[in-house]
Amino acid sequence: MAKAMMHACAAIARRQYFHESISDVEIREALPGEEDIETLLQTASVLVDRAIRENLDLSEVSRFFEANENVSVLVVFRIYSIDPRISEEHKTGFGKFWKAYKPKLSHELGKQTAWNPQLSVFNWRVDVTTQTDSGEEQHQPVGIFDIALDTG
């Protein structure tokens, strides 16, 4: 069950946030033996969405499921008619998913929200000429910059 929740969360994240074309049929085929895949996918979708919205820290995953501290998830579960009691295996699966995907999701969401050109390369050096070809001393610094912008 933990593995099923982990895979369901990963599939939801890849579809919603990484814009990969993953159908429900493909998810069902990847989760053989799961009885109620629709509920699993809805639960995974709610959990992933709330964790991203709340910028859930890895150390807070266990508290994320406590009813008194996470009323917003319970409200969403009731809206979708999902049983708010999540099994320990599903909690474990979500924890493993979040540990693996949180940095990737943060990076992807950061990329999606940046609308200005971003600095992708910045190299520099300073050359100082101490003598010319004729032998006279000269101390002339020259700054060389290599800058590249990524416009998305």
C-alpha atoms as a PDB file:
ATOM      1  CA  MET A   1       0.000   0.000   0.000  1.00  0.00           C
ATOM      2  CA  ALA A   2       2.843   2.412   0.759  1.00  0.00           C
ATOM      3  CA  LYS A   3       4.317   1.760  -2.659  1.00  0.00           C
ATOM      4  CA  ALA A   4       0.945   2.340  -4.320  1.00  0.00           C
ATOM      5  CA  MET A   5       0.518   5.723  -2.597  1.00  0.00           C
ATOM      6  CA  MET A   6       4.076   6.706  -3.480  1.00  0.00           C
ATOM      7  CA  HIS A   7       3.523   5.830  -7.153  1.00  0.00           C
ATOM      8  CA  ALA A   8       0.109   7.515  -7.236  1.00  0.00           C
ATOM      9  CA  CYS A   9       1.547  10.737  -5.767  1.00  0.00           C
ATOM     10  CA  ALA A  10       4.455  10.645  -8.204  1.00  0.00           C
ATOM     11  CA  ALA A  11       2.121  10.143 -11.160  1.00  0.00           C
ATOM     12  CA  ILE A  12      -0.126  13.006 -10.025  1.00  0.00           C
ATOM     13  CA  ALA A  13       2.873  15.301  -9.540  1.00  0.00           C
ATOM     14  CA  ARG A  14       4.373  14.394 -12.907  1.00  0.00           C
ATOM     15  CA  ARG A  15       1.048  15.011 -14.625  1.00  0.00           C
ATOM     16  CA  GLN A  16       0.054  18.239 -12.843  1.00  0.00           C
ATOM     17  CA  TYR A  17       3.382  19.954 -12.248  1.00  0.00           C
ATOM     18  CA  PHE A  18       5.808  18.501 -14.798  1.00  0.00           C
ATOM     19  CA  HIS A  19       3.144  18.441 -17.545  1.00  0.00           C
ATOM     20  CA  GLU A  20       3.818  14.856 -18.562  1.00  0.00           C
ATOM     21  CA  SER A  21       0.978  13.123 -20.361  1.00  0.00           C
ATOM     22  CA  ILE A  22       0.068  10.293 -17.999  1.00  0.00           C
ATOM     23  CA  SER A  23      -3.436   8.916 -18.305  1.00  0.00           C
ATOM     24  CA  ASP A  24      -5.486   7.345 -15.533  1.00  0.00           C
ATOM     25  CA  VAL A  25      -5.294   4.083 -17.483  1.00  0.00           C
ATOM     26  CA  GLU A  26      -1.476   4.144 -17.312  1.00  0.00           C
ATOM     27  CA  ILE A  27      -1.629   4.842 -13.592  1.00  0.00           C
ATOM     28  CA  ARG A  28      -4.061   1.954 -13.092  1.00  0.00           C
ATOM     29  CA  GLU A  29      -1.758  -0.381 -15.017  1.00  0.00           C
ATOM     30  CA  ALA A  30       1.172   0.706 -12.849  1.00  0.00           C
ATOM     31  CA  LEU A  31      -0.780  -0.059  -9.674  1.00  0.00           C
ATOM     32  CA  PRO A  32      -1.984  -3.642 -10.015  1.00  0.00           C
ATOM     33  CA  GLY A  33      -3.756  -5.058  -7.011  1.00  0.00           C
ATOM     34  CA  GLU A  34      -5.146  -1.747  -5.776  1.00  0.00           C
ATOM     35  CA  GLU A  35      -8.875  -2.062  -5.267  1.00  0.00           C
ATOM     36  CA  ASP A  36     -10.064   1.542  -5.180  1.00  0.00           C
ATOM     37  CA  ILE A  37      -7.731   3.408  -7.509  1.00  0.00           C
ATOM     38  CA  GLU A  38     -10.076   6.392  -7.925  1.00  0.00           C
ATOM     39  CA  THR A  39     -10.037   7.116  -4.204  1.00  0.00           C
ATOM     40  CA  LEU A  40      -6.289   6.549  -4.080  1.00  0.00           C
ATOM     41  CA  LEU A  41      -5.746   9.034  -6.924  1.00  0.00           C
ATOM     42  CA  GLN A  42      -8.070  11.613  -5.362  1.00  0.00           C
ATOM     43  CA  THR A  43      -6.343  11.241  -2.004  1.00  0.00           C
ATOM     44  CA  ALA A  44      -2.914  11.499  -3.628  1.00  0.00           C
ATOM     45  CA  SER A  45      -3.993  14.571  -5.578  1.00  0.00           C
ATOM     46  CA  VAL A  46      -5.299  16.322  -2.467  1.00  0.00           C
ATOM     47  CA  LEU A  47      -2.200  15.453  -0.435  1.00  0.00           C
ATOM     48  CA  VAL A  48       0.246  16.588  -3.126  1.00  0.00           C
ATOM     49  CA  ASP A  49      -1.674  19.799  -3.767  1.00  0.00           C
ATOM     50  CA  ARG A  50      -1.926  20.701  -0.071  1.00  0.00           C
ATOM     51  CA  ALA A  51       1.720  19.822   0.609  1.00  0.00           C
ATOM     52  CA  ILE A  52       2.828  22.103  -2.229  1.00  0.00           C
ATOM     53  CA  ARG A  53       0.500  24.927  -1.216  1.00  0.00           C
ATOM     54  CA  GLU A  54       1.686  24.760   2.379  1.00  0.00           C
ATOM     55  CA  ASN A  55       5.348  24.306   1.375  1.00  0.00           C
ATOM     56  CA  LEU A  56       5.497  21.296   3.633  1.00  0.00           C
ATOM     57  CA  ASP A  57       8.863  20.745   5.251  1.00  0.00           C
ATOM     58  CA  LEU A  58      10.221  17.195   5.397  1.00  0.00           C
ATOM     59  CA  SER A  59      10.304  17.291   9.189  1.00  0.00           C
ATOM     60  CA  GLU A  60       6.580  18.166   9.303  1.00  0.00           C
ATOM     61  CA  VAL A  61       5.251  15.226   7.273  1.00  0.00           C
ATOM     62  CA  SER A  62       4.041  13.300  10.336  1.00  0.00           C
ATOM     63  CA  ARG A  63       2.222  16.357  11.712  1.00  0.00           C
ATOM     64  CA  PHE A  64       0.700  16.965   8.280  1.00  0.00           C
ATOM     65  CA  PHE A  65      -1.724  14.110   8.905  1.00  0.00           C
ATOM     66  CA  GLU A  66      -2.847  15.121  12.381  1.00  0.00           C
ATOM     67  CA  ALA A  67      -6.472  16.238  12.174  1.00  0.00           C
ATOM     68  CA  ASN A  68      -6.257  19.085  14.660  1.00  0.00           C
ATOM     69  CA  GLU A  69      -3.374  20.803  12.873  1.00  0.00           C
ATOM     70  CA  ASN A  70      -4.502  20.218   9.290  1.00  0.00           C
ATOM     71  CA  VAL A  71      -8.151  21.159   9.089  1.00  0.00           C
ATOM     72  CA  SER A  72      -7.762  22.354   5.485  1.00  0.00           C
ATOM     73  CA  VAL A  73      -6.973  18.818   4.258  1.00  0.00           C
ATOM     74  CA  LEU A  74      -9.987  17.424   6.110  1.00  0.00           C
ATOM     75  CA  VAL A  75     -12.257  20.017   4.499  1.00  0.00           C
ATOM     76  CA  VAL A  76     -10.938  19.132   1.045  1.00  0.00           C
ATOM     77  CA  PHE A  77     -11.361  15.417   1.801  1.00  0.00           C
ATOM     78  CA  ARG A  78     -14.993  16.013   2.771  1.00  0.00           C
ATOM     79  CA  ILE A  79     -15.619  18.036  -0.389  1.00  0.00           C
ATOM     80  CA  TYR A  80     -14.406  15.096  -2.503  1.00  0.00           C
ATOM     81  CA  SER A  81     -16.122  12.536  -0.206  1.00  0.00           C
ATOM     82  CA  ILE A  82     -12.788  10.957   0.655  1.00  0.00           C
ATOM     83  CA  ASP A  83     -12.362   9.147   3.944  1.00  0.00           C
ATOM     84  CA  PRO A  84     -10.019  11.390   5.966  1.00  0.00           C
ATOM     85  CA  ARG A  85      -8.543   8.402   7.800  1.00  0.00           C
ATOM     86  CA  ILE A  86      -5.393   7.607   5.893  1.00  0.00           C
ATOM     87  CA  SER A  87      -3.695   4.319   6.649  1.00  0.00           C
ATOM     88  CA  GLU A  88      -0.201   4.222   8.093  1.00  0.00           C
ATOM     89  CA  GLU A  89       1.027   2.570   4.885  1.00  0.00           C
ATOM     90  CA  HIS A  90      -0.345   5.440   2.800  1.00  0.00           C
ATOM     91  CA  LYS A  91       1.243   7.967   5.177  1.00  0.00           C
ATOM     92  CA  THR A  92       4.551   6.159   4.769  1.00  0.00           C
ATOM     93  CA  GLY A  93       4.173   6.136   0.986  1.00  0.00           C
ATOM     94  CA  PHE A  94       3.399   9.849   0.913  1.00  0.00           C
ATOM     95  CA  GLY A  95       6.404  10.532   3.154  1.00  0.00           C
ATOM     96  CA  LYS A  96       8.706   8.647   0.787  1.00  0.00           C
ATOM     97  CA  PHE A  97       7.219  10.459  -2.196  1.00  0.00           C
ATOM     98  CA  TRP A  98       7.605  13.874  -0.555  1.00  0.00           C
ATOM     99  CA  LYS A  99      11.196  13.181   0.448  1.00  0.00           C
ATOM    100  CA  ALA A 100      12.095  12.293  -3.153  1.00  0.00           C
ATOM    101  CA  TYR A 101       9.981  14.878  -4.992  1.00  0.00           C
ATOM    102  CA  LYS A 102       9.976  18.026  -2.822  1.00  0.00           C
ATOM    103  CA  PRO A 103      13.259  19.424  -4.237  1.00  0.00           C
ATOM    104  CA  LYS A 104      12.217  18.572  -7.802  1.00  0.00           C
ATOM    105  CA  LEU A 105       8.797  20.167  -7.360  1.00  0.00           C
ATOM    106  CA  SER A 106      10.258  23.288  -5.754  1.00  0.00           C
ATOM    107  CA  HIS A 107      12.705  23.675  -8.619  1.00  0.00           C
ATOM    108  CA  GLU A 108      10.033  23.075 -11.276  1.00  0.00           C
ATOM    109  CA  LEU A 109       7.586  25.516  -9.709  1.00  0.00           C
ATOM    110  CA  GLY A 110      10.361  28.094  -9.464  1.00  0.00           C
ATOM    111  CA  LYS A 111      11.088  27.659 -13.164  1.00  0.00           C
ATOM    112  CA  GLN A 112       7.414  27.993 -14.045  1.00  0.00           C
ATOM    113  CA  THR A 113       6.984  31.213 -12.070  1.00  0.00           C
ATOM    114  CA  ALA A 114      10.036  33.027 -13.427  1.00  0.00           C
ATOM    115  CA  TRP A 115       8.958  35.221 -16.322  1.00  0.00           C
ATOM    116  CA  ASN A 116      12.034  37.407 -16.700  1.00  0.00           C
ATOM    117  CA  PRO A 117      15.211  36.323 -18.458  1.00  0.00           C
ATOM    118  CA  GLN A 118      17.444  34.477 -16.049  1.00  0.00           C
ATOM    119  CA  LEU A 119      21.189  34.560 -15.844  1.00  0.00           C
ATOM    120  CA  SER A 120      22.401  31.117 -16.900  1.00  0.00           C
ATOM    121  CA  VAL A 121      26.153  31.732 -17.366  1.00  0.00           C
ATOM    122  CA  PHE A 122      28.365  34.230 -15.625  1.00  0.00           C
ATOM    123  CA  ASN A 123      32.134  33.867 -16.001  1.00  0.00           C
ATOM    124  CA  TRP A 124      34.656  36.621 -15.547  1.00  0.00           C
ATOM    125  CA  ARG A 125      38.348  37.264 -15.341  1.00  0.00           C
ATOM    126  CA  VAL A 126      40.704  40.237 -15.118  1.00  0.00           C
ATOM    127  CA  ASP A 127      43.731  40.395 -17.396  1.00  0.00           C
ATOM    128  CA  VAL A 128      46.528  42.791 -16.508  1.00  0.00           C
ATOM    129  CA  THR A 129      49.049  43.693 -19.198  1.00  0.00           C
ATOM    130  CA  THR A 130      52.430  44.303 -17.583  1.00  0.00           C
ATOM    131  CA  GLN A 131      54.589  44.827 -20.694  1.00  0.00           C
ATOM    132  CA  THR A 132      53.995  45.665 -24.304  1.00  0.00           C
ATOM    133  CA  ASP A 133      55.786  44.059 -27.256  1.00  0.00           C
ATOM    134  CA  SER A 134      58.240  46.941 -27.311  1.00  0.00           C
ATOM    135  CA  GLY A 135      59.280  46.244 -23.728  1.00  0.00           C
ATOM    136  CA  GLU A 136      57.807  49.259 -21.972  1.00  0.00           C
ATOM    137  CA  GLU A 137      56.009  48.667 -18.714  1.00  0.00           C
ATOM    138  CA  GLN A 138      52.311  49.047 -18.692  1.00  0.00           C
ATOM    139  CA  HIS A 139      49.775  48.185 -15.992  1.00  0.00           C
ATOM    140  CA  GLN A 140      46.434  48.176 -17.684  1.00  0.00           C
ATOM    141  CA  PRO A 141      43.682  45.917 -16.262  1.00  0.00           C
ATOM    142  CA  VAL A 142      41.007  44.597 -18.585  1.00  0.00           C
ATOM    143  CA  GLY A 143      37.850  42.906 -17.292  1.00  0.00           C
ATOM    144  CA  ILE A 144      36.364  40.157 -19.439  1.00  0.00           C
ATOM    145  CA  PHE A 145      32.830  38.987 -18.770  1.00  0.00           C
ATOM    146  CA  ASP A 146      30.970  36.054 -20.325  1.00  0.00           C
ATOM    147  CA  ILE A 147      27.257  36.418 -19.648  1.00  0.00           C
ATOM    148  CA  ALA A 148      24.389  34.376 -21.066  1.00  0.00           C
ATOM    149  CA  LEU A 149      20.677  34.881 -20.418  1.00  0.00           C
ATOM    150  CA  ASP A 150      18.050  32.179 -20.580  1.00  0.00           C
ATOM    151  CA  THR A 151      14.757  33.621 -21.787  1.00  0.00           C
ATOM    152  CA  GLY A 152      12.797  30.504 -21.088  1.00  0.00           C
END
